[in-house]
Amino acid sequence: MSTTRIPTATSSTSIADILERVLDMGVVIAGDIRIKLVDIELLTIQIRLVVCSVEKAKEIGMDWWNLAIDKKNNTTDGIAKSDASELASRLEAMELKMKDLERVGTRTR
């Protein structure tokens, strides 16, 4: 009778090594959850999770924390400021158009 040996790993990896590799390379976890009833979709949840180091996140363009709200004066930084001013001007233009339409509507009655 011959004896068969179970192969074993020759080297072990510590949790610190695994964490270093994950932060260096990055990991993306994606999943979708859908709830349907009689072919009618009731709920869809899309999950996207990225785990990486700050340096790797900057490298791939995920630097949303640079656009965070400045808590001291409640203003936004970078692109968010220009977006806010653009939205404000568009809103003002829409309000002016609405007033013009209301004036035309009251004249025709």
Protein backbone atom coordinates (compact mmCIF):
# COMPACT_ATOMS: atom_id res chain seq x y z
CA MET A 1 0.00 0.00 0.00
CA SER A 2 1.45 3.38 -1.04
CA THR A 3 1.07 6.47 1.04
CA THR A 4 -0.15 9.64 -0.71
CA ARG A 5 0.85 12.90 0.83
CA ILE A 6 -1.30 16.00 0.71
CA PRO A 7 0.64 18.90 -0.78
CA THR A 8 1.10 21.82 1.55
CA ALA A 9 2.21 25.38 0.98
CA THR A 10 5.92 25.82 1.40
CA SER A 11 5.68 29.45 2.41
CA SER A 12 3.21 31.29 4.54
CA THR A 13 1.89 34.79 4.02
CA SER A 14 1.03 37.02 6.91
CA ILE A 15 -2.01 39.26 7.01
CA ALA A 16 0.31 42.28 6.79
CA ASP A 17 1.73 41.01 3.47
CA ILE A 18 -1.74 40.45 2.08
CA LEU A 19 -2.89 43.91 3.20
CA GLU A 20 0.20 45.51 1.65
CA ARG A 21 -0.52 43.79 -1.68
CA VAL A 22 -4.20 44.76 -1.63
CA LEU A 23 -3.45 48.41 -0.86
CA ASP A 24 -0.68 48.54 -3.45
CA MET A 25 -2.64 46.93 -6.29
CA GLY A 26 -6.21 47.72 -5.28
CA VAL A 27 -9.27 45.50 -5.19
CA VAL A 28 -12.65 46.13 -6.79
CA ILE A 29 -15.72 44.34 -5.47
CA ALA A 30 -18.85 44.72 -7.57
CA GLY A 31 -22.27 43.19 -7.26
CA ASP A 32 -25.90 43.73 -8.16
CA ILE A 33 -28.96 42.81 -6.14
CA ARG A 34 -32.29 42.76 -7.95
CA ILE A 35 -35.69 41.98 -6.51
CA LYS A 36 -38.37 41.09 -9.04
CA LEU A 37 -41.98 40.04 -8.70
CA VAL A 38 -43.71 38.60 -11.77
CA ASP A 39 -41.10 40.12 -14.10
CA ILE A 40 -41.52 43.56 -12.52
CA GLU A 41 -38.34 44.92 -11.05
CA LEU A 42 -39.10 46.29 -7.61
CA LEU A 43 -35.62 47.11 -6.34
CA THR A 44 -32.11 47.24 -7.76
CA ILE A 45 -29.02 47.83 -5.65
CA GLN A 46 -25.67 48.20 -7.37
CA ILE A 47 -22.65 47.87 -5.11
CA ARG A 48 -19.19 49.05 -6.17
CA LEU A 49 -16.42 48.95 -3.59
CA VAL A 50 -12.81 49.94 -4.22
CA VAL A 51 -10.13 49.17 -1.63
CA CYS A 52 -6.72 50.72 -2.29
CA SER A 53 -4.15 53.11 -0.88
CA VAL A 54 -4.49 56.89 -1.16
CA GLU A 55 -1.61 56.99 -3.65
CA LYS A 56 -3.25 54.36 -5.85
CA ALA A 57 -6.60 56.19 -5.64
CA LYS A 58 -4.96 59.44 -6.81
CA GLU A 59 -3.21 57.52 -9.59
CA ILE A 60 -6.51 56.20 -10.95
CA GLY A 61 -8.29 59.55 -10.56
CA MET A 62 -10.35 58.91 -7.45
CA ASP A 63 -9.57 62.01 -5.41
CA TRP A 64 -13.04 63.09 -4.34
CA TRP A 65 -11.77 64.18 -0.92
CA ASN A 66 -10.06 67.15 -2.62
CA LEU A 67 -13.53 68.43 -3.54
CA ALA A 68 -14.90 68.11 -0.02
CA ILE A 69 -16.84 70.91 1.61
CA ASP A 70 -14.71 73.34 3.58
CA LYS A 71 -16.36 73.24 6.99
CA LYS A 72 -14.97 76.58 8.12
CA ASN A 73 -16.83 78.76 5.61
CA ASN A 74 -19.29 76.28 4.05
CA THR A 75 -17.87 76.70 0.55
CA THR A 76 -16.76 74.02 -1.84
CA ASP A 77 -13.32 73.64 -3.38
CA GLY A 78 -12.17 73.24 -6.97
CA ILE A 79 -14.67 72.14 -9.56
CA ALA A 80 -17.57 72.13 -7.14
CA LYS A 81 -17.42 75.95 -6.83
CA SER A 82 -17.72 76.48 -10.56
CA ASP A 83 -20.53 73.91 -10.73
CA ALA A 84 -22.43 75.72 -7.98
CA SER A 85 -22.07 79.11 -9.69
CA GLU A 86 -23.11 77.62 -13.05
CA LEU A 87 -26.20 76.06 -11.48
CA ALA A 88 -27.06 79.34 -9.76
CA SER A 89 -26.89 81.27 -13.04
CA ARG A 90 -28.97 78.63 -14.85
CA LEU A 91 -31.58 78.75 -12.08
CA GLU A 92 -31.74 82.53 -12.30
CA ALA A 93 -32.24 82.34 -16.09
CA MET A 94 -35.04 79.79 -15.66
CA GLU A 95 -36.77 81.96 -13.05
CA LEU A 96 -36.67 84.93 -15.44
CA LYS A 97 -38.20 82.80 -18.21
CA MET A 98 -40.95 81.63 -15.84
CA LYS A 99 -41.79 85.24 -14.93
CA ASP A 100 -41.97 86.14 -18.63
CA LEU A 101 -44.30 83.21 -19.28
CA GLU A 102 -46.52 84.24 -16.38
CA ARG A 103 -46.75 87.78 -17.77
CA VAL A 104 -47.72 86.50 -21.22
CA GLY A 105 -50.28 84.15 -19.66
CA THR A 106 -52.00 86.95 -17.72
CA ARG A 107 -52.19 89.18 -20.84
CA THR A 108 -54.02 86.55 -22.91
CA ARG A 109 -56.73 85.92 -20.30
